[in-house]
Amino acid sequence: MPIWMLDTIEVIINGLMVGVLYSLVALGFVLIFKASGIFNYAQGVMALFAALTLVGLQSGQVPFSHLIKAVTGIEISHFGWELPAIVAILLTAGVMVIVAILVERLLLRHLVNQEPIILFMATIGLAYFLEGLGDLMWGADVRAVEIGLPQGGSLWFENLTKGWAADSGYWGMYIDKLDITATVIAGILVVSLTLFSQYTRIGRALRAVADDHQAALSVGISLRAIWVIVWSIAGIVALVAGAMWGAKTGVQFSLSLIALKALPVLILGGFTSIPGAIVGGLIIGVGEKLFEFTIGPMIGGATENWFAYVLALVFLMFRPQGLFGERIIERV
C-alpha cells in the first residue's frame, strides 16, 4: 500500500477520534436546547468548572483558600490527603447536579415563558459567573488531570501497521492512547444518551417537553423536574468532556473555548438532534484533519482554526436547519 494512502488513513482515524470528542461537547448543547429551548452559552464553562473541581477534589485542595487567606489571614491550601480518581469523579458529578438544581431554582424558574434572547443572555451571565467562581474556588494555575488515562502512542497499532507499506522505511501509524481511550468513553456516553433519549420514560418526557411545553404540562410532566434532570445530564457530559480535554491540554481557563468548536457541529447536525451531534462532530473532525493534511501546506497551514466555521457557513446558506434538524415552515 502506498505511504500517502496510509498517511491519509491515519489522518482520517485521528479525525474520527477528535470528532467524537466534538460530538460529546455538542451533546450538552443539544440536550438543554431540546428540553428548554435554551442555547446554553455556559456549556463550555461548565466543562471548565467540572475539570477544575475534579482536579481540586482529587488533590485535596481547600476551596476558596485564597479568599480565606485574604479575609482571615489563615493560609491553608490543602487538606493533606488525595482522593482516588473514581471518588473524585463521583463527587464532581454530585457537584454538577447541585449546580443544575441551583440553576433551575435561582435562574430558570424566574425566566419561564421569556423570550429566547433573554434566556440566552442569562446563560452568558451564568458562564461568566461559573468562570469567576471556578477561579475563586480553585485558582487559575494550569494543572494536569491524573485519573489513570494512558498517555503516549500505541506501540501495538504502530507495529501492526508497520508492515502495511510497500516501503520498508514506513514506521507505522501513530495513534495516541489517550485519544483511543477518550474516543471509547465518549462513544459509550453518546450511545447511552441516545438510547436513554429514545427508550426510557424520562427520555420520552424530555422529547415531549421539547415538542410542546403546554402539552407536556397537561399530561403531568413537571417542567422543573425535567430541567433539573437535563441540566444535570449536561453537567455530567461537561465533566467527561472537561476531563478528556483537560487530560490532553491541561486544565486551564482556555478550556472553556471548546464550546466554540461545538457550534459548527451543531450547525451541521442540527440543534435538536442527538444523532446530528454525532454525525456533525465526525464530519468536522475528519474534514478539518483532511483539509489540513491536503490543502494546508499549500496555503500556509493552521487551517484547523477556521475550516469548521467556513464549512458551517456553507451549511447555513444551503441547509440552515442542519442535516438532521427539522425544517420550520411558517405561514405568512
C-alpha atoms as a PDB file:
ATOM      1  CA  MET A   1       0.000   0.000   0.000  1.00  0.00           C
ATOM      2  CA  PRO A   2       1.452   3.457  -0.876  1.00  0.00           C
ATOM      3  CA  ILE A   3       2.659   5.551   2.041  1.00  0.00           C
ATOM      4  CA  TRP A   4       0.462   8.523   1.033  1.00  0.00           C
ATOM      5  CA  MET A   5      -2.596   6.303   1.333  1.00  0.00           C
ATOM      6  CA  LEU A   6      -1.529   5.063   4.758  1.00  0.00           C
ATOM      7  CA  ASP A   7      -0.905   8.662   5.862  1.00  0.00           C
ATOM      8  CA  THR A   8      -4.408   9.580   4.668  1.00  0.00           C
ATOM      9  CA  ILE A   9      -5.927   6.686   6.623  1.00  0.00           C
ATOM     10  CA  GLU A  10      -4.015   7.793   9.723  1.00  0.00           C
ATOM     11  CA  VAL A  11      -5.356  11.348   9.338  1.00  0.00           C
ATOM     12  CA  ILE A  12      -8.919  10.043   8.957  1.00  0.00           C
ATOM     13  CA  ILE A  13      -8.623   7.845  12.062  1.00  0.00           C
ATOM     14  CA  ASN A  14      -7.320  10.768  14.129  1.00  0.00           C
ATOM     15  CA  GLY A  15     -10.057  12.979  12.708  1.00  0.00           C
ATOM     16  CA  LEU A  16     -12.747  10.489  13.725  1.00  0.00           C
ATOM     17  CA  MET A  17     -11.406  10.357  17.284  1.00  0.00           C
ATOM     18  CA  VAL A  18     -11.326  14.148  17.571  1.00  0.00           C
ATOM     19  CA  GLY A  19     -14.791  14.271  16.038  1.00  0.00           C
ATOM     20  CA  VAL A  20     -16.210  12.035  18.774  1.00  0.00           C
ATOM     21  CA  LEU A  21     -14.917  14.494  21.380  1.00  0.00           C
ATOM     22  CA  TYR A  22     -16.501  17.379  19.451  1.00  0.00           C
ATOM     23  CA  SER A  23     -19.776  15.428  19.467  1.00  0.00           C
ATOM     24  CA  LEU A  24     -19.514  14.976  23.208  1.00  0.00           C
ATOM     25  CA  VAL A  25     -19.252  18.736  23.763  1.00  0.00           C
ATOM     26  CA  ALA A  26     -22.112  19.391  21.337  1.00  0.00           C
ATOM     27  CA  LEU A  27     -24.348  16.907  23.163  1.00  0.00           C
ATOM     28  CA  GLY A  28     -24.567  19.198  26.174  1.00  0.00           C
ATOM     29  CA  PHE A  29     -25.956  21.957  23.961  1.00  0.00           C
ATOM     30  CA  VAL A  30     -28.428  19.612  22.242  1.00  0.00           C
ATOM     31  CA  LEU A  31     -29.812  18.153  25.477  1.00  0.00           C
ATOM     32  CA  ILE A  32     -30.549  21.548  27.029  1.00  0.00           C
ATOM     33  CA  PHE A  33     -31.885  23.053  23.799  1.00  0.00           C
ATOM     34  CA  LYS A  34     -34.241  20.113  23.253  1.00  0.00           C
ATOM     35  CA  ALA A  35     -35.691  20.267  26.769  1.00  0.00           C
ATOM     36  CA  SER A  36     -35.924  24.005  27.346  1.00  0.00           C
ATOM     37  CA  GLY A  37     -35.283  25.792  24.069  1.00  0.00           C
ATOM     38  CA  ILE A  38     -32.231  27.471  25.610  1.00  0.00           C
ATOM     39  CA  PHE A  39     -28.950  27.772  23.759  1.00  0.00           C
ATOM     40  CA  ASN A  40     -26.655  27.248  26.730  1.00  0.00           C
ATOM     41  CA  TYR A  41     -23.693  29.553  26.183  1.00  0.00           C
ATOM     42  CA  ALA A  42     -22.291  28.325  29.512  1.00  0.00           C
ATOM     43  CA  GLN A  43     -21.737  24.714  28.374  1.00  0.00           C
ATOM     44  CA  GLY A  44     -18.028  25.241  27.699  1.00  0.00           C
ATOM     45  CA  VAL A  45     -17.538  26.948  31.065  1.00  0.00           C
ATOM     46  CA  MET A  46     -19.397  24.079  32.723  1.00  0.00           C
ATOM     47  CA  ALA A  47     -16.751  21.745  31.277  1.00  0.00           C
ATOM     48  CA  LEU A  48     -14.022  24.022  32.667  1.00  0.00           C
ATOM     49  CA  PHE A  49     -15.705  24.264  36.077  1.00  0.00           C
ATOM     50  CA  ALA A  50     -16.150  20.484  36.237  1.00  0.00           C
ATOM     51  CA  ALA A  51     -12.498  19.868  35.317  1.00  0.00           C
ATOM     52  CA  LEU A  52     -11.286  22.406  37.910  1.00  0.00           C
ATOM     53  CA  THR A  53     -13.471  20.795  40.565  1.00  0.00           C
ATOM     54  CA  LEU A  54     -12.271  17.304  39.638  1.00  0.00           C
ATOM     55  CA  VAL A  55      -8.605  18.255  39.927  1.00  0.00           C
ATOM     56  CA  GLY A  56      -9.189  20.274  43.090  1.00  0.00           C
ATOM     57  CA  LEU A  57     -11.063  17.485  44.874  1.00  0.00           C
ATOM     58  CA  GLN A  58      -8.626  14.796  43.796  1.00  0.00           C
ATOM     59  CA  SER A  59      -5.600  16.753  45.012  1.00  0.00           C
ATOM     60  CA  GLY A  60      -7.259  17.632  48.337  1.00  0.00           C
ATOM     61  CA  GLN A  61      -7.175  21.358  47.672  1.00  0.00           C
ATOM     62  CA  VAL A  62      -9.138  23.609  50.021  1.00  0.00           C
ATOM     63  CA  PRO A  63     -11.827  25.523  48.086  1.00  0.00           C
ATOM     64  CA  PHE A  64     -11.649  29.332  48.367  1.00  0.00           C
ATOM     65  CA  SER A  65      -8.212  29.124  50.009  1.00  0.00           C
ATOM     66  CA  HIS A  66      -7.169  32.499  48.552  1.00  0.00           C
ATOM     67  CA  LEU A  67     -10.372  34.115  49.827  1.00  0.00           C
ATOM     68  CA  ILE A  68      -9.933  32.537  53.269  1.00  0.00           C
ATOM     69  CA  LYS A  69      -6.395  33.913  53.472  1.00  0.00           C
ATOM     70  CA  ALA A  70      -7.486  37.395  52.361  1.00  0.00           C
ATOM     71  CA  VAL A  71     -10.347  37.555  54.880  1.00  0.00           C
ATOM     72  CA  THR A  72      -8.906  35.758  57.908  1.00  0.00           C
ATOM     73  CA  GLY A  73      -5.161  35.751  57.278  1.00  0.00           C
ATOM     74  CA  ILE A  74      -5.115  31.962  57.714  1.00  0.00           C
ATOM     75  CA  GLU A  75      -3.135  30.198  54.996  1.00  0.00           C
ATOM     76  CA  ILE A  76      -4.400  26.681  54.322  1.00  0.00           C
ATOM     77  CA  SER A  77      -4.192  25.343  50.789  1.00  0.00           C
ATOM     78  CA  HIS A  78      -4.603  21.556  51.141  1.00  0.00           C
ATOM     79  CA  PHE A  79      -6.293  19.118  53.484  1.00  0.00           C
ATOM     80  CA  GLY A  80      -3.277  16.809  53.381  1.00  0.00           C
ATOM     81  CA  TRP A  81      -4.953  13.915  51.558  1.00  0.00           C
ATOM     82  CA  GLU A  82      -5.677  12.898  47.993  1.00  0.00           C
ATOM     83  CA  LEU A  83      -8.812  11.181  46.734  1.00  0.00           C
ATOM     84  CA  PRO A  84      -8.873   8.168  44.393  1.00  0.00           C
ATOM     85  CA  ALA A  85      -9.847   9.115  40.851  1.00  0.00           C
ATOM     86  CA  ILE A  86     -13.222   7.337  40.925  1.00  0.00           C
ATOM     87  CA  VAL A  87     -14.216   9.035  44.206  1.00  0.00           C
ATOM     88  CA  ALA A  88     -13.215  12.447  42.859  1.00  0.00           C
ATOM     89  CA  ILE A  89     -15.211  11.820  39.667  1.00  0.00           C
ATOM     90  CA  LEU A  90     -18.337  10.799  41.603  1.00  0.00           C
ATOM     91  CA  LEU A  91     -18.065  13.808  43.927  1.00  0.00           C
ATOM     92  CA  THR A  92     -17.622  16.124  40.955  1.00  0.00           C
ATOM     93  CA  ALA A  93     -20.701  14.605  39.304  1.00  0.00           C
ATOM     94  CA  GLY A  94     -22.571  15.382  42.518  1.00  0.00           C
ATOM     95  CA  VAL A  95     -21.343  18.976  42.393  1.00  0.00           C
ATOM     96  CA  MET A  96     -22.613  19.322  38.811  1.00  0.00           C
ATOM     97  CA  VAL A  97     -26.041  18.012  39.906  1.00  0.00           C
ATOM     98  CA  ILE A  98     -26.082  20.642  42.669  1.00  0.00           C
ATOM     99  CA  VAL A  99     -25.188  23.280  40.073  1.00  0.00           C
ATOM    100  CA  ALA A 100     -28.119  22.070  37.931  1.00  0.00           C
ATOM    101  CA  ILE A 101     -30.535  22.362  40.881  1.00  0.00           C
ATOM    102  CA  LEU A 102     -29.310  25.876  41.695  1.00  0.00           C
ATOM    103  CA  VAL A 103     -29.564  26.949  38.040  1.00  0.00           C
ATOM    104  CA  GLU A 104     -33.199  25.812  37.939  1.00  0.00           C
ATOM    105  CA  ARG A 105     -34.157  27.393  41.260  1.00  0.00           C
ATOM    106  CA  LEU A 106     -32.253  30.654  41.003  1.00  0.00           C
ATOM    107  CA  LEU A 107     -32.342  31.290  37.254  1.00  0.00           C
ATOM    108  CA  LEU A 108     -34.699  29.262  35.066  1.00  0.00           C
ATOM    109  CA  ARG A 109     -37.665  29.366  37.443  1.00  0.00           C
ATOM    110  CA  HIS A 110     -37.783  33.150  37.133  1.00  0.00           C
ATOM    111  CA  LEU A 111     -37.477  33.168  33.336  1.00  0.00           C
ATOM    112  CA  VAL A 112     -40.313  30.845  32.352  1.00  0.00           C
ATOM    113  CA  ASN A 113     -42.043  31.951  29.117  1.00  0.00           C
ATOM    114  CA  GLN A 114     -39.491  34.682  28.489  1.00  0.00           C
ATOM    115  CA  GLU A 115     -38.122  35.428  25.009  1.00  0.00           C
ATOM    116  CA  PRO A 116     -35.303  33.123  23.810  1.00  0.00           C
ATOM    117  CA  ILE A 117     -32.858  36.055  23.663  1.00  0.00           C
ATOM    118  CA  ILE A 118     -33.429  36.725  27.379  1.00  0.00           C
ATOM    119  CA  LEU A 119     -32.714  33.083  28.217  1.00  0.00           C
ATOM    120  CA  PHE A 120     -29.607  33.175  26.030  1.00  0.00           C
ATOM    121  CA  MET A 121     -28.341  36.315  27.784  1.00  0.00           C
ATOM    122  CA  ALA A 122     -28.967  34.605  31.124  1.00  0.00           C
ATOM    123  CA  THR A 123     -26.676  31.737  30.125  1.00  0.00           C
ATOM    124  CA  ILE A 124     -23.990  34.262  29.161  1.00  0.00           C
ATOM    125  CA  GLY A 125     -24.213  35.670  32.681  1.00  0.00           C
ATOM    126  CA  LEU A 126     -24.108  32.129  34.065  1.00  0.00           C
ATOM    127  CA  ALA A 127     -20.962  31.412  32.045  1.00  0.00           C
ATOM    128  CA  TYR A 128     -19.088  34.389  33.486  1.00  0.00           C
ATOM    129  CA  PHE A 129     -20.340  33.604  36.987  1.00  0.00           C
ATOM    130  CA  LEU A 130     -19.143  29.978  36.821  1.00  0.00           C
ATOM    131  CA  GLU A 131     -15.806  31.053  35.362  1.00  0.00           C
ATOM    132  CA  GLY A 132     -15.284  33.537  38.193  1.00  0.00           C
ATOM    133  CA  LEU A 133     -16.474  31.020  40.790  1.00  0.00           C
ATOM    134  CA  GLY A 134     -14.056  28.410  39.451  1.00  0.00           C
ATOM    135  CA  ASP A 135     -11.188  30.886  39.673  1.00  0.00           C
ATOM    136  CA  LEU A 136     -12.192  31.883  43.203  1.00  0.00           C
ATOM    137  CA  MET A 137     -12.581  28.291  44.389  1.00  0.00           C
ATOM    138  CA  TRP A 138      -9.604  26.576  42.791  1.00  0.00           C
ATOM    139  CA  GLY A 139      -7.269  29.268  41.430  1.00  0.00           C
ATOM    140  CA  ALA A 140      -6.065  29.919  37.888  1.00  0.00           C
ATOM    141  CA  ASP A 141      -2.977  27.680  37.742  1.00  0.00           C
ATOM    142  CA  VAL A 142      -2.668  25.213  34.870  1.00  0.00           C
ATOM    143  CA  ARG A 143      -2.970  21.674  36.231  1.00  0.00           C
ATOM    144  CA  ALA A 144      -2.944  18.171  34.808  1.00  0.00           C
ATOM    145  CA  VAL A 145      -5.790  15.677  35.040  1.00  0.00           C
ATOM    146  CA  GLU A 146      -4.389  12.481  36.554  1.00  0.00           C
ATOM    147  CA  ILE A 147      -7.191   9.913  36.614  1.00  0.00           C
ATOM    148  CA  GLY A 148      -5.281   6.965  35.194  1.00  0.00           C
ATOM    149  CA  LEU A 149      -5.775   7.682  31.490  1.00  0.00           C
ATOM    150  CA  PRO A 150      -2.994   6.173  29.320  1.00  0.00           C
ATOM    151  CA  GLN A 151      -0.546   8.505  27.620  1.00  0.00           C
ATOM    152  CA  GLY A 152       1.734   8.249  24.585  1.00  0.00           C
ATOM    153  CA  GLY A 153       1.482   6.492  21.258  1.00  0.00           C
ATOM    154  CA  SER A 154       0.112   2.981  20.806  1.00  0.00           C
ATOM    155  CA  LEU A 155       3.100   0.746  20.030  1.00  0.00           C
ATOM    156  CA  TRP A 156       0.747  -2.144  19.252  1.00  0.00           C
ATOM    157  CA  PHE A 157      -1.014  -0.212  16.496  1.00  0.00           C
ATOM    158  CA  GLU A 158       2.288   1.178  15.247  1.00  0.00           C
ATOM    159  CA  ASN A 159       3.784  -2.300  14.927  1.00  0.00           C
ATOM    160  CA  LEU A 160       0.571  -3.630  13.387  1.00  0.00           C
ATOM    161  CA  THR A 161       0.588  -1.053  10.573  1.00  0.00           C
ATOM    162  CA  LYS A 162       4.340  -1.004  10.009  1.00  0.00           C
ATOM    163  CA  GLY A 163       4.186  -3.848   7.503  1.00  0.00           C
ATOM    164  CA  TRP A 164       1.271  -2.397   5.513  1.00  0.00           C
ATOM    165  CA  ALA A 165       3.509  -0.213   3.348  1.00  0.00           C
ATOM    166  CA  ALA A 166       5.476  -1.409   0.343  1.00  0.00           C
ATOM    167  CA  ASP A 167       8.359   0.801   1.523  1.00  0.00           C
ATOM    168  CA  SER A 168      10.305  -0.762   4.385  1.00  0.00           C
ATOM    169  CA  GLY A 169      11.078   2.724   5.727  1.00  0.00           C
ATOM    170  CA  TYR A 170       7.493   3.210   6.928  1.00  0.00           C
ATOM    171  CA  TRP A 171       7.308   3.291  10.740  1.00  0.00           C
ATOM    172  CA  GLY A 172       3.596   2.666  11.175  1.00  0.00           C
ATOM    173  CA  MET A 173       0.646   4.855  12.139  1.00  0.00           C
ATOM    174  CA  TYR A 174       0.823   6.989  15.257  1.00  0.00           C
ATOM    175  CA  ILE A 175      -2.367   6.814  17.313  1.00  0.00           C
ATOM    176  CA  ASP A 176      -2.369   8.384  20.779  1.00  0.00           C
ATOM    177  CA  LYS A 177      -3.577   6.036  23.511  1.00  0.00           C
ATOM    178  CA  LEU A 178      -5.297   8.929  25.276  1.00  0.00           C
ATOM    179  CA  ASP A 179      -7.276   9.658  22.105  1.00  0.00           C
ATOM    180  CA  ILE A 180      -8.289   5.987  21.843  1.00  0.00           C
ATOM    181  CA  THR A 181      -9.466   5.912  25.465  1.00  0.00           C
ATOM    182  CA  ALA A 182     -11.276   9.230  25.147  1.00  0.00           C
ATOM    183  CA  THR A 183     -12.989   8.029  21.971  1.00  0.00           C
ATOM    184  CA  VAL A 184     -14.190   4.823  23.636  1.00  0.00           C
ATOM    185  CA  ILE A 185     -15.501   6.673  26.702  1.00  0.00           C
ATOM    186  CA  ALA A 186     -17.140   9.393  24.624  1.00  0.00           C
ATOM    187  CA  GLY A 187     -18.623   6.804  22.269  1.00  0.00           C
ATOM    188  CA  ILE A 188     -20.143   4.837  25.148  1.00  0.00           C
ATOM    189  CA  LEU A 189     -21.619   8.018  26.611  1.00  0.00           C
ATOM    190  CA  VAL A 190     -23.016   9.165  23.275  1.00  0.00           C
ATOM    191  CA  VAL A 191     -24.658   5.786  22.610  1.00  0.00           C
ATOM    192  CA  SER A 192     -26.013   5.651  26.166  1.00  0.00           C
ATOM    193  CA  LEU A 193     -27.561   9.110  25.863  1.00  0.00           C
ATOM    194  CA  THR A 194     -29.095   8.204  22.505  1.00  0.00           C
ATOM    195  CA  LEU A 195     -30.670   5.068  23.950  1.00  0.00           C
ATOM    196  CA  PHE A 196     -31.757   6.989  27.054  1.00  0.00           C
ATOM    197  CA  SER A 197     -33.480   9.617  24.925  1.00  0.00           C
ATOM    198  CA  GLN A 198     -35.256   7.094  22.713  1.00  0.00           C
ATOM    199  CA  TYR A 199     -36.258   4.227  25.003  1.00  0.00           C
ATOM    200  CA  THR A 200     -36.631   5.415  28.599  1.00  0.00           C
ATOM    201  CA  ARG A 201     -39.623   7.045  30.269  1.00  0.00           C
ATOM    202  CA  ILE A 202     -37.615  10.119  31.252  1.00  0.00           C
ATOM    203  CA  GLY A 203     -36.149  10.315  27.743  1.00  0.00           C
ATOM    204  CA  ARG A 204     -39.633  10.313  26.242  1.00  0.00           C
ATOM    205  CA  ALA A 205     -40.632  13.026  28.711  1.00  0.00           C
ATOM    206  CA  LEU A 206     -37.650  15.102  27.571  1.00  0.00           C
ATOM    207  CA  ARG A 207     -38.777  14.780  23.958  1.00  0.00           C
ATOM    208  CA  ALA A 208     -42.353  15.634  24.930  1.00  0.00           C
ATOM    209  CA  VAL A 209     -41.182  18.810  26.651  1.00  0.00           C
ATOM    210  CA  ALA A 210     -39.115  19.698  23.597  1.00  0.00           C
ATOM    211  CA  ASP A 211     -42.128  19.287  21.292  1.00  0.00           C
ATOM    212  CA  ASP A 212     -44.710  21.220  23.333  1.00  0.00           C
ATOM    213  CA  HIS A 213     -44.323  22.607  26.860  1.00  0.00           C
ATOM    214  CA  GLN A 214     -48.043  23.121  27.409  1.00  0.00           C
ATOM    215  CA  ALA A 215     -48.967  19.643  26.172  1.00  0.00           C
ATOM    216  CA  ALA A 216     -46.294  18.124  28.420  1.00  0.00           C
ATOM    217  CA  LEU A 217     -47.695  20.004  31.415  1.00  0.00           C
ATOM    218  CA  SER A 218     -51.222  18.832  30.586  1.00  0.00           C
ATOM    219  CA  VAL A 219     -50.216  15.168  30.945  1.00  0.00           C
ATOM    220  CA  GLY A 220     -48.466  15.696  34.267  1.00  0.00           C
ATOM    221  CA  ILE A 221     -44.844  16.187  33.212  1.00  0.00           C
ATOM    222  CA  SER A 222     -43.057  18.606  35.547  1.00  0.00           C
ATOM    223  CA  LEU A 223     -41.013  21.122  33.579  1.00  0.00           C
ATOM    224  CA  ARG A 224     -38.935  21.989  36.641  1.00  0.00           C
ATOM    225  CA  ALA A 225     -38.009  18.353  37.242  1.00  0.00           C
ATOM    226  CA  ILE A 226     -37.167  17.877  33.554  1.00  0.00           C
ATOM    227  CA  TRP A 227     -34.969  20.964  33.560  1.00  0.00           C
ATOM    228  CA  VAL A 228     -33.061  19.747  36.631  1.00  0.00           C
ATOM    229  CA  ILE A 229     -32.571  16.318  35.033  1.00  0.00           C
ATOM    230  CA  VAL A 230     -31.409  17.664  31.676  1.00  0.00           C
ATOM    231  CA  TRP A 231     -29.054  20.244  33.216  1.00  0.00           C
ATOM    232  CA  SER A 232     -27.655  17.506  35.468  1.00  0.00           C
ATOM    233  CA  ILE A 233     -27.027  15.263  32.455  1.00  0.00           C
ATOM    234  CA  ALA A 234     -25.458  18.181  30.599  1.00  0.00           C
ATOM    235  CA  GLY A 235     -23.257  18.816  33.645  1.00  0.00           C
ATOM    236  CA  ILE A 236     -22.062  15.201  33.695  1.00  0.00           C
ATOM    237  CA  VAL A 237     -21.414  15.387  29.937  1.00  0.00           C
ATOM    238  CA  ALA A 238     -19.427  18.577  30.628  1.00  0.00           C
ATOM    239  CA  LEU A 239     -17.464  16.685  33.314  1.00  0.00           C
ATOM    240  CA  VAL A 240     -16.488  13.930  30.875  1.00  0.00           C
ATOM    241  CA  ALA A 241     -15.622  16.461  28.161  1.00  0.00           C
ATOM    242  CA  GLY A 242     -13.619  18.593  30.589  1.00  0.00           C
ATOM    243  CA  ALA A 243     -11.712  15.561  31.905  1.00  0.00           C
ATOM    244  CA  MET A 244     -10.892  14.299  28.399  1.00  0.00           C
ATOM    245  CA  TRP A 245      -9.810  17.668  27.012  1.00  0.00           C
ATOM    246  CA  GLY A 246      -8.076  18.561  30.290  1.00  0.00           C
ATOM    247  CA  ALA A 247      -6.030  15.362  30.049  1.00  0.00           C
ATOM    248  CA  LYS A 248      -4.969  16.397  26.521  1.00  0.00           C
ATOM    249  CA  THR A 249      -4.212  20.086  27.069  1.00  0.00           C
ATOM    250  CA  GLY A 250      -4.177  20.601  30.834  1.00  0.00           C
ATOM    251  CA  VAL A 251      -6.894  22.213  32.940  1.00  0.00           C
ATOM    252  CA  GLN A 252      -6.680  25.910  32.125  1.00  0.00           C
ATOM    253  CA  PHE A 253      -9.219  28.646  31.523  1.00  0.00           C
ATOM    254  CA  SER A 254      -8.865  28.393  27.749  1.00  0.00           C
ATOM    255  CA  LEU A 255     -10.588  25.006  28.148  1.00  0.00           C
ATOM    256  CA  SER A 256     -13.931  26.825  28.078  1.00  0.00           C
ATOM    257  CA  LEU A 257     -13.280  27.646  24.410  1.00  0.00           C
ATOM    258  CA  ILE A 258     -14.015  24.040  23.429  1.00  0.00           C
ATOM    259  CA  ALA A 259     -17.627  25.200  23.249  1.00  0.00           C
ATOM    260  CA  LEU A 260     -16.710  27.233  20.172  1.00  0.00           C
ATOM    261  CA  LYS A 261     -15.807  24.001  18.377  1.00  0.00           C
ATOM    262  CA  ALA A 262     -19.268  22.674  19.161  1.00  0.00           C
ATOM    263  CA  LEU A 263     -21.003  25.478  17.257  1.00  0.00           C
ATOM    264  CA  PRO A 264     -20.104  24.232  13.752  1.00  0.00           C
ATOM    265  CA  VAL A 265     -21.044  20.715  14.883  1.00  0.00           C
ATOM    266  CA  LEU A 266     -24.477  21.951  15.930  1.00  0.00           C
ATOM    267  CA  ILE A 267     -24.958  23.873  12.698  1.00  0.00           C
ATOM    268  CA  LEU A 268     -24.126  20.791  10.642  1.00  0.00           C
ATOM    269  CA  GLY A 269     -26.102  18.281  12.679  1.00  0.00           C
ATOM    270  CA  GLY A 270     -28.992  20.405  13.895  1.00  0.00           C
ATOM    271  CA  PHE A 271     -29.634  21.894  17.322  1.00  0.00           C
ATOM    272  CA  THR A 272     -32.318  19.354  18.264  1.00  0.00           C
ATOM    273  CA  SER A 273     -30.785  16.069  17.116  1.00  0.00           C
ATOM    274  CA  ILE A 274     -28.538  13.780  19.171  1.00  0.00           C
ATOM    275  CA  PRO A 275     -27.614  11.698  16.078  1.00  0.00           C
ATOM    276  CA  GLY A 276     -26.955  15.018  14.334  1.00  0.00           C
ATOM    277  CA  ALA A 277     -24.442  15.989  17.013  1.00  0.00           C
ATOM    278  CA  ILE A 278     -22.640  12.687  16.469  1.00  0.00           C
ATOM    279  CA  VAL A 279     -22.550  12.912  12.665  1.00  0.00           C
ATOM    280  CA  GLY A 280     -21.711  16.622  12.726  1.00  0.00           C
ATOM    281  CA  GLY A 281     -18.791  16.036  15.076  1.00  0.00           C
ATOM    282  CA  LEU A 282     -17.390  13.257  12.897  1.00  0.00           C
ATOM    283  CA  ILE A 283     -17.704  15.403   9.745  1.00  0.00           C
ATOM    284  CA  ILE A 284     -15.965  18.346  11.400  1.00  0.00           C
ATOM    285  CA  GLY A 285     -13.225  16.178  12.927  1.00  0.00           C
ATOM    286  CA  VAL A 286     -12.373  14.308   9.713  1.00  0.00           C
ATOM    287  CA  GLY A 287     -12.906  17.349   7.490  1.00  0.00           C
ATOM    288  CA  GLU A 288     -10.542  19.652   9.340  1.00  0.00           C
ATOM    289  CA  LYS A 289      -7.815  16.998   9.602  1.00  0.00           C
ATOM    290  CA  LEU A 290      -8.039  16.059   5.919  1.00  0.00           C
ATOM    291  CA  PHE A 291      -8.142  19.705   4.836  1.00  0.00           C
ATOM    292  CA  GLU A 292      -5.071  20.496   6.925  1.00  0.00           C
ATOM    293  CA  PHE A 293      -3.284  17.425   5.542  1.00  0.00           C
ATOM    294  CA  THR A 294      -4.082  18.021   1.853  1.00  0.00           C
ATOM    295  CA  ILE A 295      -4.648  21.769   1.392  1.00  0.00           C
ATOM    296  CA  GLY A 296      -2.995  23.229   4.487  1.00  0.00           C
ATOM    297  CA  PRO A 297       0.622  23.055   3.257  1.00  0.00           C
ATOM    298  CA  MET A 298      -0.347  24.933   0.077  1.00  0.00           C
ATOM    299  CA  ILE A 299      -1.832  27.918   1.903  1.00  0.00           C
ATOM    300  CA  GLY A 300       0.402  28.204   4.945  1.00  0.00           C
ATOM    301  CA  GLY A 301      -1.219  25.742   7.343  1.00  0.00           C
ATOM    302  CA  ALA A 302      -3.214  26.430  10.539  1.00  0.00           C
ATOM    303  CA  THR A 303      -6.452  25.699   8.662  1.00  0.00           C
ATOM    304  CA  GLU A 304      -7.914  23.756  11.606  1.00  0.00           C
ATOM    305  CA  ASN A 305      -8.592  27.091  13.332  1.00  0.00           C
ATOM    306  CA  TRP A 306     -11.125  28.205  10.708  1.00  0.00           C
ATOM    307  CA  PHE A 307     -12.120  25.274   8.481  1.00  0.00           C
ATOM    308  CA  ALA A 308     -15.055  24.180  10.666  1.00  0.00           C
ATOM    309  CA  TYR A 309     -16.569  27.673  10.661  1.00  0.00           C
ATOM    310  CA  VAL A 310     -16.287  28.027   6.889  1.00  0.00           C
ATOM    311  CA  LEU A 311     -17.978  24.649   6.451  1.00  0.00           C
ATOM    312  CA  ALA A 312     -20.717  25.712   8.881  1.00  0.00           C
ATOM    313  CA  LEU A 313     -21.209  28.941   6.912  1.00  0.00           C
ATOM    314  CA  VAL A 314     -21.745  26.930   3.725  1.00  0.00           C
ATOM    315  CA  PHE A 315     -24.335  24.796   5.507  1.00  0.00           C
ATOM    316  CA  LEU A 316     -26.122  27.894   6.779  1.00  0.00           C
ATOM    317  CA  MET A 317     -26.519  29.134   3.213  1.00  0.00           C
ATOM    318  CA  PHE A 318     -27.921  25.904   1.791  1.00  0.00           C
ATOM    319  CA  ARG A 319     -29.414  23.976   4.732  1.00  0.00           C
ATOM    320  CA  PRO A 320     -29.753  26.245   7.771  1.00  0.00           C
ATOM    321  CA  GLN A 321     -31.607  23.621   9.853  1.00  0.00           C
ATOM    322  CA  GLY A 322     -28.656  21.203   9.590  1.00  0.00           C
ATOM    323  CA  LEU A 323     -28.537  17.621   8.363  1.00  0.00           C
ATOM    324  CA  PHE A 324     -30.919  16.242  10.996  1.00  0.00           C
ATOM    325  CA  GLY A 325     -32.719  19.394  12.103  1.00  0.00           C
ATOM    326  CA  GLU A 326     -36.404  19.927  11.466  1.00  0.00           C
ATOM    327  CA  ARG A 327     -37.362  22.271   8.656  1.00  0.00           C
ATOM    328  CA  ILE A 328     -39.517  25.049  10.087  1.00  0.00           C
ATOM    329  CA  ILE A 329     -42.224  26.366   7.759  1.00  0.00           C
ATOM    330  CA  GLU A 330     -44.239  29.377   8.887  1.00  0.00           C
ATOM    331  CA  ARG A 331     -47.345  30.666   7.186  1.00  0.00           C
ATOM    332  CA  VAL A 332     -47.315  34.360   6.378  1.00  0.00           C
END
